[in-house]
Amino acid sequence: MTEPLLSVRNITKRFGGLVAVNNVSFEISRGEVFGLLGDNAAGKSTLIKCISGVYHADEGEIFFEGERAQFAHPIDARRHGVETIYQDLALANNLDVSANIFLGREVKKRYFGGLIHTLDNKTMLRESRQTLDSLQIQFPTLTQPIENLSGGQRQAVAIARAVYWEAKLVIMDEPTNNLGVPEQKKVLELIRRLRDQGVPVILITHILPDVFAVTDRLIVMHRGRKVAEDHRRDEHRGTRAVHGRRPRRRERGRAGAARTERRRPPREREPLNLGPGGRSRTQVRAPRGGLASMFSGPDLRRAPPLSVGVVQSQTCTRRQTPCTRPWVQ
């Protein structure tokens, strides 16, 4: 059995008298998409912040690549290869794509023995384009500000930044939140490509279709506790369950076929014979006092809004306005 890349053991985090994370444990292997589910205030974001160095756990241990890890700051987690993509993406809206990929780690040129430093924009632009091409992400231009991009394109920039800096573990907090359906599909496809490249992903979300589409394993949190765990792999056939569905049986049983072919029989209505001619009309509903009571009085428009029947293949259906074409002879 291979050693897990990340091992979280009995993590507990308190904020005064509030226990945000209570004794949570799990492991993540390489090339695995791990789903972290839960409603709002379940402790999902607090847990990943304990892993990425934003918070310090009050109890428990974290092991990364077989060694105990205690990240004092988020930059320490980045140096070890843990990249976190938060809900706000941590992008500078006034900068372009390449500047955001190298944000905080810019490439610089040195002049006069290092006395003068300038940004090497050409190198950053070239490296950014190569990284985006490796993820099959296309932009019309890389020089436009981030504020002019769509939500899916911003997510792609944040993912490309994590890939360029050789992330060993990518944590994504609600990546498809507030995105349209086409952009959600693009983000999920990027997650699959990271998995194919051997980069494990922790996907924090409360959207079940996203989880069923890409995750291999998941846990559910509720009020800080881990309440459920599930393996999305189909152990019987050795393949992943696609979109959260296991492979269906090719042949159904007789009971299933009977349920499929069963149709609701049409409603039979009692015929009503009116008049000396014996003409049969379909009865729907008759008011109290007979049909004539519907149209008695000087004004027929004040008749009650009831359904009467069928006359000469024209249906007088139930409606709020009275039927002004009675079929009583």
Protein backbone atom coordinates (compact mmCIF):
# COMPACT_ATOMS: atom_id res chain seq x y z
CA MET A 1 0.00 0.00 0.00
CA THR A 2 1.41 3.38 -1.04
CA GLU A 3 1.99 6.06 1.53
CA PRO A 4 -0.63 8.85 1.44
CA LEU A 5 0.50 12.31 0.39
CA LEU A 6 -1.51 14.04 3.12
CA SER A 7 -2.66 12.56 6.41
CA VAL A 8 -4.87 14.54 8.78
CA ARG A 9 -5.25 12.97 12.22
CA ASN A 10 -7.73 14.07 14.85
CA ILE A 11 -7.70 17.76 13.95
CA THR A 12 -9.64 20.04 16.33
CA LYS A 13 -9.98 23.80 16.08
CA ARG A 14 -11.76 26.02 18.61
CA PHE A 15 -12.72 29.68 18.58
CA GLY A 16 -13.43 30.40 22.21
CA GLY A 17 -16.35 28.20 23.19
CA LEU A 18 -17.16 27.31 19.56
CA VAL A 19 -15.72 24.06 18.23
CA ALA A 20 -15.40 24.67 14.47
CA VAL A 21 -13.60 21.39 13.68
CA ASN A 22 -14.01 18.44 16.00
CA ASN A 23 -11.67 15.43 15.77
CA VAL A 24 -11.55 15.06 11.96
CA SER A 25 -9.23 12.54 10.27
CA PHE A 26 -8.69 11.58 6.62
CA GLU A 27 -5.96 10.71 4.10
CA ILE A 28 -5.33 11.75 0.49
CA SER A 29 -3.29 9.81 -2.06
CA ARG A 30 -1.53 11.07 -5.17
CA GLY A 31 -3.67 11.54 -8.27
CA GLU A 32 -6.91 11.57 -6.29
CA VAL A 33 -9.80 14.04 -6.23
CA PHE A 34 -11.06 14.21 -2.68
CA GLY A 35 -14.47 15.74 -2.00
CA LEU A 36 -15.18 17.66 1.20
CA LEU A 37 -18.92 18.18 1.55
CA GLY A 38 -21.11 19.93 4.05
CA ASP A 39 -23.62 22.69 4.53
CA ASN A 40 -22.71 26.23 5.50
CA ALA A 41 -20.93 26.45 8.87
CA ALA A 42 -20.01 22.77 8.71
CA GLY A 43 -16.30 23.53 9.23
CA LYS A 44 -15.02 22.87 5.70
CA SER A 45 -13.18 26.15 5.17
CA THR A 46 -11.77 26.11 8.71
CA LEU A 47 -10.36 22.64 8.12
CA ILE A 48 -8.52 23.56 4.93
CA LYS A 49 -7.19 26.72 6.55
CA CYS A 50 -5.66 24.53 9.24
CA ILE A 51 -3.99 22.50 6.48
CA SER A 52 -2.77 25.53 4.49
CA GLY A 53 -1.30 27.39 7.48
CA VAL A 54 -3.90 30.12 7.94
CA TYR A 55 -5.05 28.66 11.26
CA HIS A 56 -3.18 26.52 13.77
CA ALA A 57 -5.05 23.45 15.00
CA ASP A 58 -5.54 23.18 18.76
CA GLU A 59 -5.31 19.40 18.66
CA GLY A 60 -4.22 16.77 16.17
CA GLU A 61 -1.42 16.27 13.67
CA ILE A 62 -0.85 16.79 9.95
CA PHE A 63 1.59 14.65 7.97
CA PHE A 64 2.68 15.69 4.47
CA GLU A 65 4.79 13.32 2.36
CA GLY A 66 5.35 11.10 5.38
CA GLU A 67 6.69 13.85 7.63
CA ARG A 68 4.93 15.86 10.28
CA ALA A 69 4.05 19.29 8.90
CA GLN A 70 3.35 22.39 10.93
CA PHE A 71 2.90 25.34 8.60
CA ALA A 72 3.27 28.59 10.54
CA HIS A 73 2.14 30.74 7.59
CA PRO A 74 0.50 30.13 4.19
CA ILE A 75 3.82 30.87 2.47
CA ASP A 76 5.32 27.87 4.28
CA ALA A 77 2.60 25.65 2.85
CA ARG A 78 3.32 27.03 -0.63
CA ARG A 79 6.98 26.24 -0.28
CA HIS A 80 6.07 22.63 0.44
CA GLY A 81 3.77 22.49 -2.61
CA VAL A 82 0.34 23.11 -1.06
CA GLU A 83 -1.60 25.61 -3.18
CA THR A 84 -5.00 26.86 -2.02
CA ILE A 85 -7.57 28.50 -4.28
CA TYR A 86 -10.06 30.35 -2.10
CA GLN A 87 -13.52 31.52 -3.06
CA ASP A 88 -12.29 35.04 -3.81
CA LEU A 89 -9.42 33.50 -5.89
CA ALA A 90 -6.87 35.99 -4.44
CA LEU A 91 -6.40 37.68 -7.82
CA ALA A 92 -5.52 41.32 -8.50
CA ASN A 93 -8.27 42.65 -10.77
CA ASN A 94 -6.16 45.54 -12.10
CA LEU A 95 -3.32 43.25 -13.30
CA ASP A 96 -3.21 41.02 -16.36
CA VAL A 97 -3.05 37.22 -16.54
CA SER A 98 0.72 36.79 -16.43
CA ALA A 99 1.10 39.25 -13.56
CA ASN A 100 -1.42 37.28 -11.50
CA ILE A 101 0.27 33.96 -12.18
CA PHE A 102 3.57 35.39 -10.90
CA LEU A 103 1.95 37.51 -8.18
CA GLY A 104 4.35 37.72 -5.23
CA ARG A 105 6.98 35.68 -7.11
CA GLU A 106 7.76 37.94 -10.04
CA VAL A 107 10.66 37.34 -12.42
CA LYS A 108 13.06 40.29 -12.37
CA LYS A 109 15.97 41.56 -14.40
CA ARG A 110 19.07 42.85 -12.65
CA TYR A 111 21.23 45.72 -13.83
CA PHE A 112 24.48 47.19 -12.56
CA GLY A 113 25.36 44.25 -10.41
CA GLY A 114 21.89 43.92 -8.91
CA LEU A 115 21.49 47.57 -7.92
CA ILE A 116 18.49 48.03 -10.23
CA HIS A 117 15.65 45.52 -10.59
CA THR A 118 12.95 45.58 -13.27
CA LEU A 119 10.16 43.14 -14.09
CA ASP A 120 10.86 40.66 -16.86
CA ASN A 121 7.42 40.88 -18.48
CA LYS A 122 8.42 38.93 -21.60
CA THR A 123 9.57 35.92 -19.61
CA MET A 124 6.46 35.93 -17.42
CA LEU A 125 4.21 36.26 -20.46
CA ARG A 126 5.95 33.37 -22.25
CA GLU A 127 5.83 31.07 -19.21
CA SER A 128 2.18 31.92 -18.58
CA ARG A 129 1.22 31.06 -22.14
CA GLN A 130 3.02 27.71 -21.95
CA THR A 131 1.26 26.82 -18.70
CA LEU A 132 -2.16 27.73 -20.07
CA ASP A 133 -1.50 25.72 -23.24
CA SER A 134 -0.57 22.66 -21.15
CA LEU A 135 -4.01 22.90 -19.50
CA GLN A 136 -5.71 23.58 -22.86
CA ILE A 137 -6.89 27.00 -21.69
CA GLN A 138 -7.33 29.59 -24.41
CA PHE A 139 -7.49 33.35 -23.91
CA PRO A 140 -7.86 35.96 -26.67
CA THR A 141 -5.02 37.91 -25.08
CA LEU A 142 -3.04 37.65 -21.86
CA THR A 143 -2.56 41.38 -21.47
CA GLN A 144 -6.13 42.28 -20.51
CA PRO A 145 -6.95 42.94 -16.85
CA ILE A 146 -8.47 40.18 -14.76
CA GLU A 147 -11.58 42.29 -14.14
CA ASN A 148 -12.51 41.88 -17.83
CA LEU A 149 -12.53 38.06 -17.63
CA SER A 150 -15.45 35.81 -16.84
CA GLY A 151 -15.75 33.79 -13.65
CA GLY A 152 -14.61 30.58 -15.33
CA GLN A 153 -11.58 32.29 -16.88
CA ARG A 154 -10.58 33.66 -13.47
CA GLN A 155 -10.76 30.19 -12.00
CA ALA A 156 -8.57 28.97 -14.86
CA VAL A 157 -5.96 31.63 -14.05
CA ALA A 158 -5.93 30.59 -10.38
CA ILE A 159 -5.53 26.92 -11.35
CA ALA A 160 -2.78 27.76 -13.84
CA ARG A 161 -0.90 29.62 -11.11
CA ALA A 162 -1.00 26.53 -8.90
CA VAL A 163 0.16 24.28 -11.74
CA TYR A 164 3.04 26.54 -12.76
CA TRP A 165 4.53 26.54 -9.27
CA GLU A 166 4.52 22.74 -9.29
CA ALA A 167 1.83 22.23 -6.69
CA LYS A 168 1.86 18.82 -5.03
CA LEU A 169 -1.61 19.38 -3.57
CA VAL A 170 -4.31 21.77 -4.78
CA ILE A 171 -7.11 22.83 -2.44
CA MET A 172 -10.13 24.41 -4.12
CA ASP A 173 -12.78 26.12 -2.00
CA GLU A 174 -16.13 26.33 -3.83
CA PRO A 175 -14.60 26.63 -7.33
CA THR A 176 -17.93 26.48 -9.19
CA ASN A 177 -19.82 28.85 -6.92
CA ASN A 178 -21.58 31.73 -8.76
CA LEU A 179 -20.58 30.35 -12.17
CA GLY A 180 -22.75 29.56 -15.17
CA VAL A 181 -23.23 26.01 -16.42
CA PRO A 182 -20.65 26.24 -19.29
CA GLU A 183 -18.05 27.72 -16.94
CA GLN A 184 -18.73 25.05 -14.34
CA LYS A 185 -18.01 22.36 -16.92
CA LYS A 186 -14.71 24.00 -17.80
CA VAL A 187 -13.62 24.12 -14.16
CA LEU A 188 -14.52 20.45 -13.66
CA GLU A 189 -12.57 19.55 -16.77
CA LEU A 190 -9.52 21.35 -15.37
CA ILE A 191 -9.85 19.32 -12.18
CA ARG A 192 -9.83 16.11 -14.23
CA ARG A 193 -6.67 17.23 -16.02
CA LEU A 194 -4.95 17.88 -12.71
CA ARG A 195 -5.88 14.39 -11.61
CA ASP A 196 -4.53 12.92 -14.85
CA GLN A 197 -1.25 14.73 -14.21
CA GLY A 198 -1.00 13.09 -10.78
CA VAL A 199 -1.85 16.20 -8.75
CA PRO A 200 -4.35 15.47 -5.95
CA VAL A 201 -7.18 17.93 -5.46
CA ILE A 202 -9.29 18.67 -2.39
CA LEU A 203 -12.64 19.90 -3.66
CA ILE A 204 -14.69 21.78 -1.06
CA THR A 205 -18.29 22.25 -2.17
CA HIS A 206 -21.91 21.71 -1.27
CA ILE A 207 -22.99 21.09 -4.89
CA LEU A 208 -23.54 17.34 -5.23
CA PRO A 209 -23.46 17.11 -9.07
CA ASP A 210 -19.95 18.55 -9.08
CA VAL A 211 -18.83 16.02 -6.49
CA PHE A 212 -20.33 13.07 -8.34
CA ALA A 213 -18.74 14.22 -11.60
CA VAL A 214 -15.06 14.30 -10.59
CA THR A 215 -14.38 12.94 -7.08
CA ASP A 216 -12.90 9.55 -6.26
CA ARG A 217 -13.62 9.71 -2.54
CA LEU A 218 -15.50 12.07 -0.27
CA ILE A 219 -16.38 12.84 3.33
CA VAL A 220 -19.34 14.76 4.72
CA MET A 221 -19.02 17.21 7.60
CA HIS A 222 -21.77 18.47 9.86
CA ARG A 223 -21.21 20.98 12.65
CA GLY A 224 -17.49 20.35 12.67
CA ARG A 225 -17.64 16.55 12.72
CA LYS A 226 -17.04 13.98 10.01
CA VAL A 227 -20.34 12.15 9.75
CA ALA A 228 -19.89 10.08 6.56
CA GLU A 229 -17.27 8.81 4.12
CA ASP A 230 -17.74 7.20 0.71
CA HIS A 231 -15.53 5.79 -2.06
CA ARG A 232 -16.66 6.86 -5.50
CA ARG A 233 -14.68 4.11 -7.26
CA ASP A 234 -16.59 1.14 -8.60
CA GLU A 235 -14.72 -1.70 -6.95
CA HIS A 236 -16.58 -4.36 -8.92
CA ARG A 237 -15.40 -3.21 -12.35
CA GLY A 238 -12.32 -1.29 -11.31
CA THR A 239 -13.42 1.99 -12.89
CA ARG A 240 -14.56 5.32 -11.59
CA ALA A 241 -18.24 6.07 -11.34
CA VAL A 242 -18.98 8.72 -13.94
CA HIS A 243 -21.14 11.66 -12.82
CA GLY A 244 -22.02 9.87 -9.64
CA ARG A 245 -23.77 6.96 -11.35
CA ARG A 246 -22.67 3.37 -11.26
CA PRO A 247 -22.81 1.41 -14.55
CA ARG A 248 -26.36 0.29 -15.20
CA ARG A 249 -27.36 -3.27 -15.96
CA ARG A 250 -27.86 -3.96 -19.64
CA GLU A 251 -30.89 -6.10 -19.11
CA ARG A 252 -33.71 -5.34 -16.74
CA GLY A 253 -35.89 -7.89 -15.06
CA ARG A 254 -39.47 -8.56 -15.98
CA ALA A 255 -40.70 -6.44 -13.11
CA GLY A 256 -38.65 -3.45 -14.25
CA ALA A 257 -39.81 -3.85 -17.84
CA ALA A 258 -43.40 -4.09 -16.69
CA ARG A 259 -43.04 -0.89 -14.71
CA THR A 260 -41.51 0.85 -17.71
CA GLU A 261 -44.17 -0.27 -20.16
CA ARG A 262 -47.05 0.33 -17.80
CA ARG A 263 -49.26 3.19 -18.86
CA ARG A 264 -52.02 4.86 -16.98
CA PRO A 265 -55.41 3.88 -18.52
CA PRO A 266 -57.52 6.71 -19.91
CA ARG A 267 -60.24 8.09 -17.70
CA GLU A 268 -63.69 6.80 -18.56
CA ARG A 269 -66.49 9.31 -18.32
CA GLU A 270 -70.14 8.53 -17.86
CA PRO A 271 -72.31 9.49 -20.89
CA LEU A 272 -75.21 11.85 -20.35
CA ASN A 273 -78.29 11.48 -22.55
CA LEU A 274 -80.15 14.75 -23.04
CA GLY A 275 -83.10 15.69 -25.20
CA PRO A 276 -85.57 13.68 -27.16
CA GLY A 277 -83.06 13.03 -29.91
CA GLY A 278 -80.97 10.91 -27.55
CA ARG A 279 -77.70 12.65 -28.41
CA SER A 280 -74.92 11.45 -26.12
CA ARG A 281 -72.62 14.04 -24.60
CA THR A 282 -69.67 13.59 -22.24
CA GLN A 283 -70.47 14.61 -18.69
CA VAL A 284 -67.86 16.52 -16.72
CA ARG A 285 -69.76 18.17 -13.94
CA ALA A 286 -73.33 19.25 -13.46
CA PRO A 287 -74.33 22.05 -11.08
CA ARG A 288 -76.99 21.81 -8.47
CA GLY A 289 -80.48 22.43 -9.71
CA GLY A 290 -79.85 21.07 -13.20
CA LEU A 291 -78.22 22.51 -16.28
CA ALA A 292 -80.95 25.04 -16.83
CA SER A 293 -80.11 26.76 -13.56
CA MET A 294 -76.78 27.80 -14.98
CA PHE A 295 -78.32 30.02 -17.60
CA SER A 296 -81.43 31.29 -15.88
CA GLY A 297 -81.81 35.03 -15.42
CA PRO A 298 -81.61 38.03 -17.74
CA ASP A 299 -77.79 37.96 -18.19
CA LEU A 300 -76.00 34.78 -19.18
CA ARG A 301 -72.56 36.29 -18.41
CA ARG A 302 -73.21 35.98 -14.71
CA ALA A 303 -73.32 32.21 -14.91
CA PRO A 304 -70.97 30.41 -12.45
CA PRO A 305 -67.52 29.44 -13.85
CA LEU A 306 -68.07 25.68 -14.09
CA SER A 307 -67.07 23.16 -16.73
CA VAL A 308 -70.03 21.80 -18.66
CA GLY A 309 -69.08 19.44 -21.45
CA VAL A 310 -68.31 18.84 -25.15
CA VAL A 311 -70.40 20.20 -28.00
CA GLN A 312 -69.61 19.43 -31.63
CA SER A 313 -66.01 18.43 -30.88
CA GLN A 314 -65.36 21.77 -29.12
CA THR A 315 -64.26 21.41 -25.49
CA CYS A 316 -65.57 23.85 -22.94
CA THR A 317 -62.80 23.55 -20.34
CA ARG A 318 -62.69 24.69 -16.72
CA ARG A 319 -61.85 28.37 -16.55
CA GLN A 320 -62.46 31.41 -14.42
CA THR A 321 -64.66 33.19 -16.99
CA PRO A 322 -68.14 31.79 -17.61
CA CYS A 323 -68.89 29.72 -20.68
CA THR A 324 -70.96 31.94 -22.99
CA ARG A 325 -71.78 29.18 -25.51
CA PRO A 326 -74.13 26.77 -23.72
CA TRP A 327 -74.99 23.54 -25.45
CA VAL A 328 -78.44 23.09 -23.85
CA GLN A 329 -81.01 22.91 -26.62
